[in-house]
Amino acid sequence: MSNDGAEVTFAPGQDLSLDAQEMLLEEVFERAEIKEIFSIHYDMVELGQYVSHVVEVKSLDAAMSNAKQLTKSGSINPSSIRVTSHRVITTPLVEHKLKLDPPRKAPRWKAPKPI
């Protein structure tokens, strides 16, 4: 045994499936593309009725600035204006093998029986 001591990597009763899942998630997130999307939601009067609209913008600052401008419009319900965001995680493509049955053997040709 070395002077540095030993490191315990497994203990009886430990659930290794959680460790494996954690490692898989770390590997996926290293190669994943994470994109944050900001949206402005508002209700606008069209033909005498409120119609909901959603507009995506590139940044939170742009969303806040546009939302502030929307409050000045007479055709938009100011209490309906909301700014939201969410993240979209795109993982790399994974190719899956096709599960095909092997082709069936062709029927053997039988010579006609002589008459």
N, C-alpha and C. Protein backbone atom coordinates (compact mmCIF):
# COMPACT_ATOMS: atom_id res chain seq x y z
N MET A 1 0.85 -1.17 0.00
CA MET A 1 0.00 0.00 0.00
C MET A 1 0.89 1.23 0.00
N SER A 2 0.48 2.26 -0.75
CA SER A 2 1.30 3.46 -0.85
C SER A 2 1.13 4.33 0.38
N ASN A 3 2.03 5.30 0.52
CA ASN A 3 1.97 6.22 1.65
C ASN A 3 0.83 7.23 1.51
N ASP A 4 0.31 7.39 0.28
CA ASP A 4 -0.75 8.36 0.06
C ASP A 4 -2.09 7.88 0.59
N GLY A 5 -2.22 6.62 0.87
CA GLY A 5 -3.49 6.09 1.34
C GLY A 5 -4.25 5.46 0.20
N ALA A 6 -5.46 5.12 0.47
CA ALA A 6 -6.29 4.45 -0.52
C ALA A 6 -7.56 5.25 -0.74
N GLU A 7 -8.13 5.09 -1.91
CA GLU A 7 -9.38 5.76 -2.24
C GLU A 7 -10.45 4.69 -2.41
N VAL A 8 -11.57 4.88 -1.74
CA VAL A 8 -12.66 3.93 -1.85
C VAL A 8 -13.49 4.32 -3.07
N THR A 9 -13.64 3.37 -3.98
CA THR A 9 -14.42 3.66 -5.19
C THR A 9 -15.74 2.91 -5.21
N PHE A 10 -15.90 1.96 -4.32
CA PHE A 10 -17.14 1.21 -4.26
C PHE A 10 -17.37 0.73 -2.85
N ALA A 11 -18.58 0.84 -2.40
CA ALA A 11 -18.94 0.34 -1.08
C ALA A 11 -20.09 -0.63 -1.25
N PRO A 12 -20.13 -1.68 -0.45
CA PRO A 12 -21.23 -2.64 -0.57
C PRO A 12 -22.58 -1.93 -0.40
N GLY A 13 -23.51 -2.25 -1.27
CA GLY A 13 -24.83 -1.63 -1.22
C GLY A 13 -24.94 -0.34 -2.01
N GLN A 14 -23.83 0.13 -2.58
CA GLN A 14 -23.85 1.36 -3.36
C GLN A 14 -24.52 1.10 -4.70
N ASP A 15 -25.35 2.04 -5.14
CA ASP A 15 -26.06 1.90 -6.41
C ASP A 15 -25.19 2.47 -7.52
N LEU A 16 -24.54 1.60 -8.26
CA LEU A 16 -23.65 2.04 -9.34
C LEU A 16 -24.40 2.57 -10.54
N SER A 17 -25.69 2.21 -10.68
CA SER A 17 -26.45 2.69 -11.84
C SER A 17 -26.59 4.21 -11.79
N LEU A 18 -26.71 4.79 -10.61
CA LEU A 18 -26.79 6.25 -10.50
C LEU A 18 -25.48 6.90 -10.95
N ASP A 19 -24.36 6.30 -10.55
CA ASP A 19 -23.06 6.83 -10.97
C ASP A 19 -22.92 6.76 -12.49
N ALA A 20 -23.36 5.66 -13.07
CA ALA A 20 -23.27 5.49 -14.53
C ALA A 20 -24.16 6.51 -15.23
N GLN A 21 -25.36 6.75 -14.71
CA GLN A 21 -26.26 7.74 -15.32
C GLN A 21 -25.67 9.14 -15.20
N GLU A 22 -25.07 9.42 -14.07
CA GLU A 22 -24.46 10.74 -13.86
C GLU A 22 -23.31 10.96 -14.85
N MET A 23 -22.49 9.94 -15.05
CA MET A 23 -21.38 10.04 -16.00
C MET A 23 -21.91 10.22 -17.42
N LEU A 24 -22.99 9.51 -17.77
CA LEU A 24 -23.58 9.63 -19.09
C LEU A 24 -24.12 11.04 -19.30
N LEU A 25 -24.80 11.60 -18.31
CA LEU A 25 -25.32 12.96 -18.43
C LEU A 25 -24.19 13.97 -18.59
N GLU A 26 -23.11 13.80 -17.83
CA GLU A 26 -21.96 14.70 -17.97
C GLU A 26 -21.39 14.64 -19.38
N GLU A 27 -21.28 13.42 -19.93
CA GLU A 27 -20.74 13.25 -21.28
C GLU A 27 -21.66 13.89 -22.32
N VAL A 28 -22.97 13.74 -22.16
CA VAL A 28 -23.93 14.31 -23.10
C VAL A 28 -23.86 15.84 -23.05
N PHE A 29 -23.82 16.40 -21.84
CA PHE A 29 -23.81 17.86 -21.71
C PHE A 29 -22.51 18.48 -22.21
N GLU A 30 -21.42 17.73 -22.19
CA GLU A 30 -20.16 18.26 -22.73
C GLU A 30 -20.29 18.52 -24.23
N ARG A 31 -21.07 17.68 -24.92
CA ARG A 31 -21.21 17.81 -26.37
C ARG A 31 -22.50 18.48 -26.79
N ALA A 32 -23.36 18.80 -25.84
CA ALA A 32 -24.67 19.38 -26.17
C ALA A 32 -24.55 20.87 -26.45
N GLU A 33 -25.51 21.35 -27.23
CA GLU A 33 -25.61 22.78 -27.52
C GLU A 33 -26.78 23.31 -26.69
N ILE A 34 -26.50 24.31 -25.84
CA ILE A 34 -27.53 24.88 -24.98
C ILE A 34 -27.82 26.29 -25.47
N LYS A 35 -29.09 26.54 -25.76
CA LYS A 35 -29.50 27.83 -26.30
C LYS A 35 -30.62 28.38 -25.42
N GLU A 36 -30.50 29.64 -25.01
CA GLU A 36 -31.54 30.27 -24.21
C GLU A 36 -32.43 31.10 -25.13
N ILE A 37 -33.73 30.93 -24.99
CA ILE A 37 -34.69 31.62 -25.84
C ILE A 37 -35.55 32.53 -24.98
N PHE A 38 -35.66 33.79 -25.39
CA PHE A 38 -36.47 34.77 -24.68
C PHE A 38 -37.70 35.08 -25.53
N SER A 39 -38.85 35.20 -24.87
CA SER A 39 -40.10 35.44 -25.58
C SER A 39 -40.90 36.54 -24.91
N ILE A 40 -41.64 37.28 -25.73
CA ILE A 40 -42.58 38.28 -25.24
C ILE A 40 -43.98 37.78 -25.60
N HIS A 41 -44.85 37.71 -24.60
CA HIS A 41 -46.23 37.28 -24.80
C HIS A 41 -47.12 38.49 -24.56
N TYR A 42 -48.13 38.68 -25.42
CA TYR A 42 -49.07 39.79 -25.23
C TYR A 42 -50.35 39.51 -25.98
N ASP A 43 -51.43 40.18 -25.54
CA ASP A 43 -52.73 40.08 -26.21
C ASP A 43 -53.00 41.39 -26.93
N MET A 44 -53.36 41.29 -28.22
CA MET A 44 -53.62 42.47 -29.04
C MET A 44 -55.06 42.43 -29.58
N VAL A 45 -55.68 43.58 -29.65
CA VAL A 45 -57.04 43.65 -30.17
C VAL A 45 -56.99 43.54 -31.70
N GLU A 46 -57.69 42.54 -32.23
CA GLU A 46 -57.80 42.36 -33.67
C GLU A 46 -59.26 42.04 -33.99
N LEU A 47 -59.88 42.87 -34.81
CA LEU A 47 -61.29 42.70 -35.21
C LEU A 47 -62.20 42.60 -33.98
N GLY A 48 -61.93 43.44 -32.98
CA GLY A 48 -62.77 43.50 -31.79
C GLY A 48 -62.54 42.43 -30.76
N GLN A 49 -61.53 41.55 -30.96
CA GLN A 49 -61.24 40.49 -30.00
C GLN A 49 -59.77 40.49 -29.67
N TYR A 50 -59.45 40.03 -28.46
CA TYR A 50 -58.04 39.88 -28.09
C TYR A 50 -57.48 38.61 -28.72
N VAL A 51 -56.32 38.74 -29.34
CA VAL A 51 -55.62 37.61 -29.94
C VAL A 51 -54.23 37.55 -29.30
N SER A 52 -53.85 36.36 -28.80
CA SER A 52 -52.55 36.19 -28.16
C SER A 52 -51.44 36.11 -29.19
N HIS A 53 -50.30 36.73 -28.86
CA HIS A 53 -49.12 36.70 -29.73
C HIS A 53 -47.89 36.35 -28.89
N VAL A 54 -46.92 35.71 -29.54
CA VAL A 54 -45.64 35.40 -28.91
C VAL A 54 -44.55 35.78 -29.91
N VAL A 55 -43.56 36.55 -29.43
CA VAL A 55 -42.45 36.96 -30.27
C VAL A 55 -41.16 36.55 -29.58
N GLU A 56 -40.28 35.83 -30.30
CA GLU A 56 -38.99 35.44 -29.74
C GLU A 56 -37.95 36.51 -30.08
N VAL A 57 -37.11 36.82 -29.10
CA VAL A 57 -36.04 37.80 -29.29
C VAL A 57 -34.72 37.19 -28.83
N LYS A 58 -33.61 37.87 -29.17
CA LYS A 58 -32.29 37.29 -28.93
C LYS A 58 -31.77 37.43 -27.50
N SER A 59 -32.22 38.46 -26.77
CA SER A 59 -31.66 38.67 -25.44
C SER A 59 -32.74 39.15 -24.47
N LEU A 60 -32.42 39.07 -23.20
CA LEU A 60 -33.34 39.55 -22.18
C LEU A 60 -33.49 41.06 -22.26
N ASP A 61 -32.40 41.76 -22.56
CA ASP A 61 -32.48 43.22 -22.69
C ASP A 61 -33.42 43.62 -23.82
N ALA A 62 -33.33 42.92 -24.96
CA ALA A 62 -34.21 43.22 -26.09
C ALA A 62 -35.66 42.92 -25.72
N ALA A 63 -35.89 41.84 -24.99
CA ALA A 63 -37.25 41.49 -24.59
C ALA A 63 -37.83 42.55 -23.66
N MET A 64 -37.05 42.99 -22.69
CA MET A 64 -37.53 44.01 -21.76
C MET A 64 -37.78 45.34 -22.47
N SER A 65 -36.90 45.70 -23.36
CA SER A 65 -37.05 46.96 -24.10
C SER A 65 -38.31 46.93 -24.97
N ASN A 66 -38.52 45.81 -25.67
CA ASN A 66 -39.70 45.69 -26.53
C ASN A 66 -40.98 45.63 -25.69
N ALA A 67 -40.94 44.96 -24.56
CA ALA A 67 -42.12 44.89 -23.69
C ALA A 67 -42.49 46.28 -23.17
N LYS A 68 -41.48 47.07 -22.87
CA LYS A 68 -41.73 48.44 -22.40
C LYS A 68 -42.41 49.26 -23.50
N GLN A 69 -41.97 49.07 -24.74
CA GLN A 69 -42.58 49.77 -25.87
C GLN A 69 -44.03 49.31 -26.10
N LEU A 70 -44.29 48.02 -25.88
CA LEU A 70 -45.64 47.49 -26.08
C LEU A 70 -46.63 48.09 -25.10
N THR A 71 -46.18 48.46 -23.91
CA THR A 71 -47.10 49.04 -22.92
C THR A 71 -47.66 50.37 -23.39
N LYS A 72 -47.00 51.01 -24.33
CA LYS A 72 -47.43 52.31 -24.84
C LYS A 72 -48.48 52.19 -25.94
N SER A 73 -48.71 50.97 -26.45
CA SER A 73 -49.66 50.77 -27.55
C SER A 73 -51.08 50.71 -27.00
N GLY A 74 -52.01 51.36 -27.69
CA GLY A 74 -53.40 51.35 -27.29
C GLY A 74 -54.13 50.08 -27.65
N SER A 75 -53.57 49.29 -28.56
CA SER A 75 -54.26 48.07 -29.01
C SER A 75 -53.79 46.82 -28.26
N ILE A 76 -52.89 46.99 -27.29
CA ILE A 76 -52.37 45.85 -26.54
C ILE A 76 -52.80 45.97 -25.09
N ASN A 77 -53.30 44.87 -24.55
CA ASN A 77 -53.69 44.82 -23.14
C ASN A 77 -52.42 44.82 -22.29
N PRO A 78 -52.14 45.90 -21.54
CA PRO A 78 -50.89 45.99 -20.78
C PRO A 78 -50.73 44.90 -19.73
N SER A 79 -51.84 44.41 -19.17
CA SER A 79 -51.73 43.38 -18.13
C SER A 79 -51.40 42.01 -18.71
N SER A 80 -51.46 41.88 -20.04
CA SER A 80 -51.17 40.58 -20.66
C SER A 80 -49.71 40.45 -21.07
N ILE A 81 -48.93 41.52 -20.96
CA ILE A 81 -47.53 41.48 -21.41
C ILE A 81 -46.68 40.70 -20.41
N ARG A 82 -45.99 39.68 -20.93
CA ARG A 82 -45.08 38.86 -20.11
C ARG A 82 -43.80 38.61 -20.88
N VAL A 83 -42.70 38.51 -20.16
CA VAL A 83 -41.41 38.13 -20.74
C VAL A 83 -41.03 36.80 -20.10
N THR A 84 -40.74 35.81 -20.94
CA THR A 84 -40.36 34.49 -20.44
C THR A 84 -39.07 34.04 -21.11
N SER A 85 -38.45 33.02 -20.53
CA SER A 85 -37.27 32.42 -21.15
C SER A 85 -37.28 30.93 -20.86
N HIS A 86 -36.62 30.20 -21.72
CA HIS A 86 -36.41 28.77 -21.50
C HIS A 86 -35.15 28.36 -22.24
N ARG A 87 -34.62 27.21 -21.84
CA ARG A 87 -33.40 26.70 -22.47
C ARG A 87 -33.74 25.49 -23.33
N VAL A 88 -33.12 25.44 -24.48
CA VAL A 88 -33.26 24.30 -25.37
C VAL A 88 -31.90 23.61 -25.43
N ILE A 89 -31.90 22.33 -25.07
CA ILE A 89 -30.66 21.55 -25.07
C ILE A 89 -30.72 20.59 -26.25
N THR A 90 -29.79 20.76 -27.17
CA THR A 90 -29.73 19.90 -28.35
C THR A 90 -28.53 18.97 -28.20
N THR A 91 -28.80 17.70 -28.17
CA THR A 91 -27.73 16.72 -28.04
C THR A 91 -27.30 16.25 -29.42
N PRO A 92 -26.09 15.70 -29.52
CA PRO A 92 -25.62 15.21 -30.82
C PRO A 92 -26.50 14.05 -31.32
N LEU A 93 -26.52 13.89 -32.62
CA LEU A 93 -27.28 12.80 -33.22
C LEU A 93 -26.67 11.46 -32.83
N VAL A 94 -27.53 10.50 -32.60
CA VAL A 94 -27.09 9.14 -32.29
C VAL A 94 -27.66 8.24 -33.38
N GLU A 95 -26.79 7.49 -34.02
CA GLU A 95 -27.26 6.60 -35.07
C GLU A 95 -27.56 5.23 -34.48
N HIS A 96 -28.70 4.68 -34.85
CA HIS A 96 -29.12 3.39 -34.34
C HIS A 96 -29.09 2.37 -35.48
N LYS A 97 -28.60 1.19 -35.17
CA LYS A 97 -28.54 0.15 -36.20
C LYS A 97 -29.95 -0.35 -36.51
N LEU A 98 -30.18 -0.64 -37.77
CA LEU A 98 -31.46 -1.20 -38.20
C LEU A 98 -31.53 -2.67 -37.79
N LYS A 99 -32.66 -3.06 -37.31
CA LYS A 99 -32.87 -4.46 -36.95
C LYS A 99 -33.65 -5.11 -38.09
N LEU A 100 -32.91 -5.71 -39.00
CA LEU A 100 -33.54 -6.32 -40.17
C LEU A 100 -33.46 -7.84 -40.07
N ASP A 101 -34.51 -8.48 -40.53
CA ASP A 101 -34.49 -9.94 -40.61
C ASP A 101 -33.66 -10.33 -41.83
N PRO A 102 -32.92 -11.41 -41.73
CA PRO A 102 -32.16 -11.85 -42.91
C PRO A 102 -33.14 -12.26 -44.01
N PRO A 103 -32.75 -12.05 -45.27
CA PRO A 103 -33.66 -12.41 -46.36
C PRO A 103 -33.96 -13.91 -46.36
N ARG A 104 -35.19 -14.24 -46.75
CA ARG A 104 -35.57 -15.65 -46.82
C ARG A 104 -34.90 -16.31 -48.02
N LYS A 105 -34.71 -17.60 -47.89
CA LYS A 105 -34.12 -18.34 -49.00
C LYS A 105 -35.11 -18.40 -50.14
N ALA A 106 -34.59 -18.28 -51.34
CA ALA A 106 -35.44 -18.35 -52.53
C ALA A 106 -35.91 -19.80 -52.71
N PRO A 107 -37.15 -19.95 -53.19
CA PRO A 107 -37.63 -21.33 -53.41
C PRO A 107 -36.80 -21.99 -54.51
N ARG A 108 -36.56 -23.26 -54.32
CA ARG A 108 -35.78 -23.99 -55.33
C ARG A 108 -36.66 -24.30 -56.54
N TRP A 109 -36.02 -24.22 -57.70
CA TRP A 109 -36.73 -24.52 -58.92
C TRP A 109 -36.78 -26.02 -59.10
N LYS A 110 -37.98 -26.48 -59.40
CA LYS A 110 -38.15 -27.92 -59.59
C LYS A 110 -38.40 -28.16 -61.09
N ALA A 111 -37.71 -29.14 -61.57
CA ALA A 111 -37.89 -29.49 -62.99
C ALA A 111 -39.29 -30.12 -63.17
N PRO A 112 -39.92 -29.81 -64.30
CA PRO A 112 -41.24 -30.42 -64.52
C PRO A 112 -41.11 -31.93 -64.66
N LYS A 113 -42.15 -32.61 -64.19
CA LYS A 113 -42.14 -34.07 -64.28
C LYS A 113 -42.41 -34.48 -65.72
N PRO A 114 -41.68 -35.49 -66.18
CA PRO A 114 -41.94 -35.96 -67.56
C PRO A 114 -43.32 -36.62 -67.65
N ILE A 115 -43.93 -36.45 -68.77
CA ILE A 115 -45.27 -36.97 -68.99
C ILE A 115 -45.24 -38.38 -69.48
